[in-house]
Amino acid sequence: MERYSTIAYFCNVKNQQTTNMYKTDNIQKPKVFRMAFASKTGQAVDRHFGMTDKFLIFELNTADNSVSYIENRSTTAVCAQDCCHSNHNDEEASFEKVICQLNDVSAIFVSKIGEHAANFIENKGKAVYESPFPIEPLINKIIEDKLYLTDQWQ
């Protein structure tokens, strides 16, 4: 099962139990990761990857699990109106623009994303998740489950 389609297993914010998929005895050096959330409202992940033209950028410091809001970053929407049903070369050029605009981000959270786009992003070394949830509880769940270790964010 692809990672981008399995986000619901851990981030059902309505008190669903989860299982830890990482080893706690594997000690990692603290790192700082940037996360991008596709949001129109600023409260929830509510934008499709292809339709969003901005991402909220947050920074997670794993040393103390602190999270800081960095900025509201404008990006190039992949699909202007109709979602892209053109050839993959045109889509990939659009995906590449967004990836360049999110070059310092380790994980991208969107409400929906097509399989081709998700595979393209993951092949560029970024984690991508379908996670149409409120941002604050989602961040808390990311920290609680140490998603950055589970999915080996870069």
Protein backbone atom coordinates (compact mmCIF):
# COMPACT_ATOMS: atom_id res chain seq x y z
CA MET A 1 0.00 0.00 0.00
CA GLU A 2 1.38 3.38 -0.99
CA ARG A 3 2.33 5.85 1.75
CA TYR A 4 0.29 8.72 0.32
CA SER A 5 -2.89 6.68 0.61
CA THR A 6 -2.28 5.39 4.13
CA ILE A 7 -2.21 8.59 6.14
CA ALA A 8 -5.62 7.85 7.63
CA TYR A 9 -4.19 4.88 9.55
CA PHE A 10 -2.44 7.17 11.96
CA CYS A 11 -4.11 10.53 11.84
CA ASN A 12 -7.74 9.88 12.57
CA VAL A 13 -7.92 12.64 15.13
CA LYS A 14 -10.99 11.18 16.79
CA ASN A 15 -9.04 9.06 19.33
CA GLN A 16 -8.37 6.06 17.09
CA GLN A 17 -5.71 3.74 18.51
CA THR A 18 -2.60 3.25 16.39
CA THR A 19 0.34 0.96 16.44
CA ASN A 20 3.92 2.12 16.46
CA MET A 21 5.76 1.03 13.35
CA TYR A 22 9.20 2.19 14.45
CA LYS A 23 11.75 0.81 16.85
CA THR A 24 12.22 2.88 19.97
CA ASP A 25 15.65 1.39 20.59
CA ASN A 26 16.98 2.91 17.37
CA ILE A 27 18.32 6.22 18.65
CA GLN A 28 18.37 8.99 16.07
CA LYS A 29 20.18 12.31 16.23
CA PRO A 30 17.77 15.24 16.53
CA LYS A 31 16.88 16.79 13.19
CA VAL A 32 14.84 19.65 11.89
CA PHE A 33 12.24 18.92 9.22
CA ARG A 34 10.04 21.30 7.30
CA MET A 35 6.47 20.29 6.53
CA ALA A 36 4.15 21.81 3.91
CA PHE A 37 0.38 21.79 4.44
CA ALA A 38 -1.95 22.58 1.52
CA SER A 39 -4.54 24.82 3.14
CA LYS A 40 -6.86 27.54 1.98
CA THR A 41 -8.28 28.24 5.44
CA GLY A 42 -5.08 27.95 7.46
CA GLN A 43 -6.89 25.62 9.85
CA ALA A 44 -7.07 22.31 7.97
CA VAL A 45 -5.45 20.47 5.09
CA ASP A 46 -8.18 21.28 2.58
CA ARG A 47 -6.53 21.58 -0.83
CA HIS A 48 -5.85 19.09 -3.61
CA PHE A 49 -2.17 19.05 -4.59
CA GLY A 50 -2.91 20.03 -8.18
CA MET A 51 -5.21 22.90 -7.25
CA THR A 52 -3.30 24.61 -4.44
CA ASP A 53 -1.21 27.70 -4.98
CA LYS A 54 0.03 28.06 -1.41
CA PHE A 55 1.31 25.91 1.41
CA LEU A 56 1.68 26.64 5.10
CA ILE A 57 5.25 25.80 6.08
CA PHE A 58 6.04 24.54 9.58
CA GLU A 59 9.35 23.42 11.05
CA LEU A 60 9.61 20.46 13.41
CA ASN A 61 12.65 20.19 15.69
CA THR A 62 12.90 16.56 16.82
CA ALA A 63 15.23 17.43 19.71
CA ASP A 64 12.36 18.88 21.73
CA ASN A 65 9.37 18.21 19.45
CA SER A 66 8.84 21.93 19.00
CA VAL A 67 6.97 23.15 15.95
CA SER A 68 7.25 26.65 14.53
CA TYR A 69 5.21 28.32 11.83
CA ILE A 70 7.62 29.57 9.16
CA GLU A 71 5.58 31.10 6.37
CA ASN A 72 2.68 30.97 3.96
CA ARG A 73 4.48 30.01 0.75
CA SER A 74 3.05 30.71 -2.69
CA THR A 75 3.52 28.00 -5.30
CA THR A 76 2.47 27.38 -8.87
CA ALA A 77 -0.83 25.50 -9.06
CA VAL A 78 -0.31 22.39 -11.18
CA CYS A 79 -3.85 22.50 -12.58
CA ALA A 80 -5.37 25.86 -13.38
CA GLN A 81 -9.04 24.81 -13.46
CA ASP A 82 -9.60 21.32 -14.77
CA CYS A 83 -7.35 18.80 -13.16
CA CYS A 84 -4.57 17.83 -15.51
CA HIS A 85 -5.54 15.14 -17.95
CA SER A 86 -2.87 16.15 -20.43
CA ASN A 87 0.23 14.15 -21.17
CA HIS A 88 2.58 13.19 -18.35
CA ASN A 89 5.44 15.35 -19.67
CA ASP A 90 3.41 18.54 -19.16
CA GLU A 91 2.30 17.36 -15.71
CA GLU A 92 5.85 16.46 -14.68
CA ALA A 93 7.13 19.89 -15.66
CA SER A 94 4.43 21.40 -13.42
CA PHE A 95 5.23 18.98 -10.60
CA GLU A 96 8.91 19.92 -10.89
CA LYS A 97 8.09 23.62 -10.45
CA VAL A 98 6.21 22.91 -7.23
CA ILE A 99 8.99 20.63 -5.95
CA CYS A 100 11.53 23.40 -6.61
CA GLN A 101 9.33 25.84 -4.68
CA LEU A 102 9.17 23.33 -1.80
CA ASN A 103 12.84 22.30 -2.05
CA ASP A 104 13.49 22.69 1.69
CA VAL A 105 10.44 20.63 2.71
CA SER A 106 10.63 16.97 3.80
CA ALA A 107 6.91 16.14 3.88
CA ILE A 108 3.90 17.45 1.97
CA PHE A 109 0.35 17.11 3.31
CA VAL A 110 -2.61 17.53 0.95
CA SER A 111 -6.30 16.66 0.98
CA LYS A 112 -6.00 14.67 -2.25
CA ILE A 113 -3.31 13.84 -4.79
CA GLY A 114 -3.21 11.75 -7.93
CA GLU A 115 -1.11 8.62 -8.04
CA HIS A 116 1.19 9.96 -10.76
CA ALA A 117 1.89 13.16 -8.82
CA ALA A 118 2.46 11.27 -5.56
CA ASN A 119 4.91 8.88 -7.21
CA PHE A 120 6.75 11.78 -8.84
CA ILE A 121 7.12 13.60 -5.51
CA GLU A 122 8.24 10.49 -3.64
CA ASN A 123 10.81 9.78 -6.36
CA LYS A 124 12.22 13.25 -5.62
CA GLY A 125 12.84 12.20 -2.00
CA LYS A 126 9.86 13.86 -0.38
CA ALA A 127 7.14 12.17 1.66
CA VAL A 128 3.60 13.00 0.56
CA TYR A 129 0.38 12.27 2.43
CA GLU A 130 -3.33 12.54 1.80
CA SER A 131 -4.50 13.92 5.13
CA PRO A 132 -7.68 16.03 5.04
CA PHE A 133 -7.60 16.87 8.74
CA PRO A 134 -7.20 19.92 10.98
CA ILE A 135 -3.55 20.96 10.99
CA GLU A 136 -2.90 21.27 14.72
CA PRO A 137 -4.10 17.75 15.70
CA LEU A 138 -2.34 16.38 12.61
CA ILE A 139 0.98 17.90 13.70
CA ASN A 140 0.46 16.49 17.20
CA LYS A 141 -0.13 13.03 15.72
CA ILE A 142 2.97 13.33 13.51
CA ILE A 143 5.05 14.04 16.62
CA GLU A 144 3.34 11.39 18.76
CA ASP A 145 3.84 8.66 16.15
CA LYS A 146 7.27 9.95 15.10
CA LEU A 147 6.22 9.79 11.46
CA TYR A 148 9.55 11.32 10.45
CA LEU A 149 11.27 8.13 11.69
CA THR A 150 8.65 5.70 10.43
CA ASP A 151 8.82 7.06 6.89
CA GLN A 152 12.48 8.13 7.05
CA TRP A 153 12.00 11.76 6.07
CA GLN A 154 14.95 13.38 4.35
